[in-house]
Protein backbone atom coordinates (compact mmCIF):
# COMPACT_ATOMS: atom_id res chain seq x y z
CA MET A 1 56.35 53.43 108.63
CA ILE A 2 56.38 53.72 104.88
CA LYS A 3 53.87 50.72 104.67
CA PHE A 4 51.55 52.52 107.16
CA PHE A 5 51.06 55.11 105.26
CA ARG A 6 50.60 53.15 101.91
CA LYS A 7 47.99 51.29 103.77
CA ILE A 8 45.92 54.81 104.71
CA ARG A 9 45.82 55.23 100.94
CA GLN A 10 44.83 51.97 99.96
CA ASN A 11 41.68 52.17 102.17
CA LEU A 12 40.95 55.51 101.00
CA LEU A 13 40.90 54.64 97.29
CA SER A 14 39.05 51.14 98.07
CA GLU A 15 36.36 53.17 100.22
CA GLY A 16 36.50 55.71 96.93
CA LYS A 17 37.56 58.75 99.07
CA THR A 18 39.28 60.00 96.08
CA GLY A 19 39.35 63.43 97.39
CA LYS A 20 40.13 62.82 100.70
CA TYR A 21 43.04 60.37 98.84
CA LEU A 22 44.34 63.52 97.12
CA LYS A 23 44.28 65.61 100.11
CA TYR A 24 46.67 62.85 101.88
CA ALA A 25 49.02 62.33 99.07
CA ILE A 26 49.47 66.34 99.15
CA GLY A 27 50.21 66.38 102.71
CA GLU A 28 52.60 63.57 102.70
CA ILE A 29 54.41 64.82 99.94
CA VAL A 30 54.52 68.19 101.90
CA LEU A 31 55.57 66.11 105.12
CA VAL A 32 58.64 64.51 102.61
CA VAL A 33 59.59 67.92 101.03
CA ILE A 34 59.89 69.46 104.74
CA GLY A 35 61.75 66.24 105.95
CA ILE A 36 64.30 66.91 103.23
CA LEU A 37 64.70 70.80 103.51
CA ILE A 38 65.35 70.22 107.25
CA ALA A 39 67.80 67.70 106.53
CA LEU A 40 69.77 69.70 103.84
CA GLN A 41 69.57 72.58 106.20
CA ILE A 42 71.08 70.71 109.12
CA ASN A 43 73.81 69.11 107.08
CA ASN A 44 74.12 72.99 105.62
CA TRP A 45 74.53 74.18 109.15
CA SER A 46 77.15 71.36 109.81
CA SER A 47 79.03 72.37 106.75
CA PHE A 48 78.98 75.56 107.65
CA GLN A 49 80.12 75.14 111.14
CA LYS A 50 83.10 72.52 110.02
CA ASP A 51 84.04 75.62 107.60
CA ARG A 52 84.30 78.00 110.71
CA ASP A 53 86.49 75.67 112.95
CA ILE A 54 88.99 74.99 110.18
CA GLU A 55 88.82 79.13 109.59
CA GLN A 56 89.56 79.38 113.37
CA SER A 57 92.25 77.04 113.35
CA ILE A 58 93.77 78.96 110.39
CA LEU A 59 93.71 82.12 111.49
CA ARG A 60 95.13 80.87 115.03
CA ASN A 61 98.16 79.48 113.30
CA LEU A 62 98.77 82.33 110.91
CA ARG A 63 98.68 84.84 114.23
CA ASP A 64 101.42 82.33 115.90
CA GLU A 65 103.90 82.66 112.31
CA PHE A 66 103.22 86.16 111.76
CA GLU A 67 103.95 87.16 115.26
CA GLU A 68 107.32 84.99 114.80
CA ASN A 69 108.25 87.19 111.88
CA LEU A 70 107.58 90.18 113.55
CA GLU A 71 109.73 89.28 116.26
CA LYS A 72 112.67 88.17 113.78
CA LEU A 73 112.01 91.13 111.54
CA ARG A 74 112.27 93.56 114.50
CA SER A 75 115.54 92.02 115.36
CA ASP A 76 117.00 92.43 111.50
CA ASN A 77 115.86 95.53 111.68
CA ASN A 78 117.72 96.29 114.82
CA LEU A 79 121.12 95.35 113.15
CA ASN A 80 120.38 96.79 109.55
CA GLN A 81 119.99 100.20 111.49
CA ALA A 82 123.16 99.93 113.20
CA SER A 83 124.72 99.16 109.64
CA LEU A 84 123.32 101.85 108.29
CA GLU A 85 124.33 104.35 111.05
CA ALA A 86 127.85 102.98 110.81
CA ALA A 87 128.21 103.45 107.07
CA TYR A 88 126.55 107.26 107.66
CA ALA A 89 129.53 108.07 110.18
CA LEU A 90 132.11 106.59 107.79
CA LEU A 91 130.87 108.84 105.18
CA GLN A 92 131.11 112.20 107.35
CA SER A 93 134.00 114.62 107.24
CA GLU A 94 135.14 113.65 110.64
CA ARG A 95 135.82 110.55 109.81
CA ILE A 96 139.64 111.16 109.51
CA THR A 97 140.20 111.67 112.94
CA PHE A 98 138.80 108.19 114.10
CA ARG A 99 141.23 105.82 115.87
CA SER A 100 141.98 102.66 113.95
CA ASN A 101 140.01 100.77 116.70
CA ARG A 102 137.06 102.63 116.18
CA ILE A 103 137.63 102.40 112.01
CA ASP A 104 137.83 98.55 112.57
CA SER A 105 134.22 98.74 114.65
CA LEU A 106 132.58 100.94 112.34
CA VAL A 107 133.62 99.02 109.36
CA GLY A 108 132.70 95.65 110.68
CA THR A 109 129.12 97.17 111.80
CA ALA A 110 128.29 98.27 108.37
CA LEU A 111 129.28 94.83 106.79
CA ASN A 112 127.19 93.20 109.19
CA TYR A 113 123.80 93.15 107.95
CA ALA A 114 120.78 90.76 108.42
CA THR A 115 118.64 88.83 105.62
CA PHE A 116 115.21 88.38 106.80
CA GLU A 117 113.77 84.81 106.57
CA ALA A 118 110.18 84.76 107.21
CA GLY A 119 108.42 82.02 108.05
CA THR A 120 105.70 80.90 105.70
CA GLY A 121 104.49 77.55 106.36
CA VAL A 122 100.97 77.79 107.04
CA PHE A 123 100.55 80.52 104.81
CA ASP A 124 101.97 78.50 102.25
CA GLU A 125 100.05 75.28 103.14
CA ALA A 126 96.62 77.19 103.11
CA ILE A 127 97.31 78.68 99.70
CA SER A 128 97.79 75.10 98.52
CA ALA A 129 94.73 73.56 100.50
CA GLY A 130 92.87 76.02 99.06
CA LYS A 131 91.92 76.88 102.42
CA MET A 132 92.52 80.59 102.37
CA ARG A 133 88.54 80.62 100.68
CA LEU A 134 87.19 80.13 104.20
CA ILE A 135 88.42 83.40 105.62
CA GLN A 136 85.25 85.42 105.88
CA ASN A 137 86.51 88.79 106.27
CA ASP A 138 87.62 90.14 102.99
CA SER A 139 89.76 92.92 104.36
CA LEU A 140 92.01 90.19 105.94
CA LYS A 141 92.23 88.19 102.41
CA THR A 142 92.98 91.38 100.66
CA LEU A 143 95.73 91.90 102.88
CA LEU A 144 96.85 88.38 103.04
CA SER A 145 97.51 88.18 99.05
CA LYS A 146 99.92 91.09 99.51
CA TRP A 147 102.15 89.42 101.87
CA MET A 148 104.54 87.23 99.35
CA GLY A 149 104.76 90.47 97.10
CA LYS A 150 105.99 92.37 100.00
CA LEU A 151 108.75 89.69 100.63
CA ASN A 152 109.55 89.60 96.87
CA GLU A 153 109.90 93.32 96.97
CA LEU A 154 112.29 93.04 100.50
CA GLY A 155 114.33 90.17 99.17
CA GLU A 156 115.47 91.54 95.65
CA ASP A 157 117.13 94.41 97.81
CA GLU A 158 118.45 91.98 99.69
CA VAL A 159 120.18 90.38 96.97
CA ILE A 160 121.58 93.73 95.79
CA ARG A 161 123.36 94.34 98.81
CA ARG A 162 124.65 90.84 99.32
CA ASP A 163 126.18 91.11 95.81
CA HIS A 164 127.38 94.30 96.36
CA ILE A 165 129.33 93.46 99.23
CA VAL A 166 130.71 90.22 98.04
CA HIS A 167 131.60 90.94 94.62
CA ASN A 168 132.75 94.75 95.39
CA VAL A 169 133.15 95.87 98.96
CA SER A 170 135.47 92.56 100.31
CA SER A 171 138.21 92.69 97.83
CA LEU A 172 138.32 96.49 97.83
CA PHE A 173 138.61 96.91 101.81
CA ARG A 174 141.28 94.22 102.16
CA LYS A 175 143.60 96.06 100.48
CA TYR A 176 143.39 98.73 103.56
CA ILE A 177 142.26 96.74 106.58
CA PRO A 178 142.46 92.81 107.46
CA TYR A 179 139.03 91.57 107.77
CA ARG A 180 139.92 89.92 110.83
CA ASN A 181 139.85 93.47 112.67
CA PHE A 182 136.20 93.63 112.20
CA ASP A 183 135.49 89.96 114.29
CA LYS A 184 134.30 91.91 117.21
CA ALA A 185 131.84 94.13 115.40
CA TYR A 186 130.22 90.30 114.36
CA ASP A 187 128.72 89.37 117.83
CA ARG A 188 124.86 89.02 117.49
CA ASP A 189 121.84 87.07 119.21
CA ASP A 190 121.90 84.89 116.55
CA TYR A 191 125.36 83.93 116.17
CA VAL A 192 126.64 83.11 119.25
CA ARG A 193 130.84 81.87 119.50
CA ASN A 194 132.86 81.02 121.80
CA ARG A 195 136.47 81.85 120.45
CA ARG A 196 137.33 85.60 119.21
CA ILE A 197 139.86 86.78 116.87
CA GLU A 198 142.38 89.18 117.99
CA PRO A 199 142.83 92.20 115.61
CA MET A 200 146.08 92.83 113.41
CA GLY A 201 148.64 95.88 113.83
CA VAL A 202 147.78 98.13 110.87
CA PRO A 203 149.92 101.23 109.97
CA ASN A 204 147.86 103.81 110.14
CA ALA A 205 148.73 104.73 106.82
CA ASN A 206 146.67 102.25 105.68
CA TYR A 207 143.64 104.12 107.07
CA ILE A 208 144.37 107.57 105.67
CA GLU A 209 144.54 105.56 102.18
CA PHE A 210 141.25 103.79 102.59
CA PHE A 211 139.54 107.03 103.34
CA GLN A 212 141.14 108.95 100.60
CA SER A 213 140.13 106.22 98.20
CA ILE A 214 137.32 107.19 95.76
CA GLU A 215 136.56 103.80 95.12
CA VAL A 216 136.14 103.00 98.61
CA ASP A 217 134.21 106.20 99.52
CA GLY A 218 131.74 104.82 96.89
CA ALA A 219 131.61 101.09 98.20
CA LEU A 220 130.34 102.83 101.77
CA TYR A 221 128.51 105.34 100.12
CA GLU A 222 125.95 102.09 97.96
CA ILE A 223 126.45 100.00 101.53
CA TYR A 224 124.55 103.02 103.01
CA LEU A 225 121.89 103.35 99.98
CA ASN A 226 121.11 99.69 100.02
CA GLN A 227 120.83 99.46 103.73
CA SER A 228 118.69 102.96 103.56
CA TYR A 229 116.51 100.95 100.71
CA ILE A 230 115.90 98.21 103.16
CA HIS A 231 115.38 99.46 106.39
CA SER A 232 112.62 101.62 104.72
CA ILE A 233 110.69 98.92 103.48
CA SER A 234 111.64 96.89 106.24
CA ILE A 235 109.84 99.81 108.48
CA THR A 236 106.91 99.39 105.81
CA LEU A 237 106.62 95.79 106.31
CA GLU A 238 106.83 95.65 110.20
CA ILE A 239 103.62 98.31 109.78
CA TYR A 240 102.20 95.50 107.43
CA ILE A 241 102.32 92.62 109.79
CA GLN A 242 101.11 94.56 112.76
CA GLU A 243 97.79 95.47 110.09
CA VAL A 244 97.64 91.70 110.00
CA LEU A 245 97.98 90.83 113.49
CA LYS A 246 95.33 93.31 114.13
CA LEU A 247 92.49 91.68 111.71
CA LEU A 248 93.45 88.55 112.69
CA ASP A 249 93.00 88.93 116.56
CA GLU A 250 89.44 91.14 115.50
CA ASN A 251 88.44 87.45 113.74
CA ILE A 252 89.50 85.24 116.03
CA ASP A 253 87.15 83.82 118.48
CA GLU A 254 88.94 83.11 121.58
CA LEU A 255 86.20 80.72 122.90
CA THR A 256 86.45 78.20 120.22
CA ASN A 257 87.90 74.80 121.03
CA GLN A 258 89.06 76.20 124.30
């Protein structure tokens, strides 16, 4: 094809048709430029489409991950809500009227907390690979940028709660009630056991001293306070995840890759 155009130009020059030669040359340049522009446009479209396919894959995987996290968080919230309510009941004046088995159950429930362990594999990979830039919706990107901060906020309070129970509560409560008496309260969906530990008989005086102790009362209040903070943050986190899922659904093309 190039030889064909070259031969035409040579014939025009040899015949002295300079004007026609210049017009032809300009036309040929225009055709070449148009061809290049078309090729670039096709390449840009191909690159854009590839980015959109990757974006859709990221959005779907993020949706799956956030749906799993929402389910786990709700389960944890239920457990922590029960712990919060048990601690509250143990701080009320009528606690002195509770039977020993109810006290065992309430104390065990108050100590039976959940720590949220979010799945972040898809999110972390998208960040490390620089794929977050492919998400076109700015509101979604802004919301996703807050994810790790919210997890860290919850994690800090969970550490405070754990340290308080491990370093302060455990040894204090054992002075009055055997920990084995709380065994039944530790039944939970994520902790399946085939055996149970029978409670130990304890003099009623132990329970009276338990509630008369200022240290015990303070420890129970700190459990209640820590669980209150965690419950509040967890509810906020649950709402946040729902907002993320709403935006993910709005930006996922269900017809893509079907």
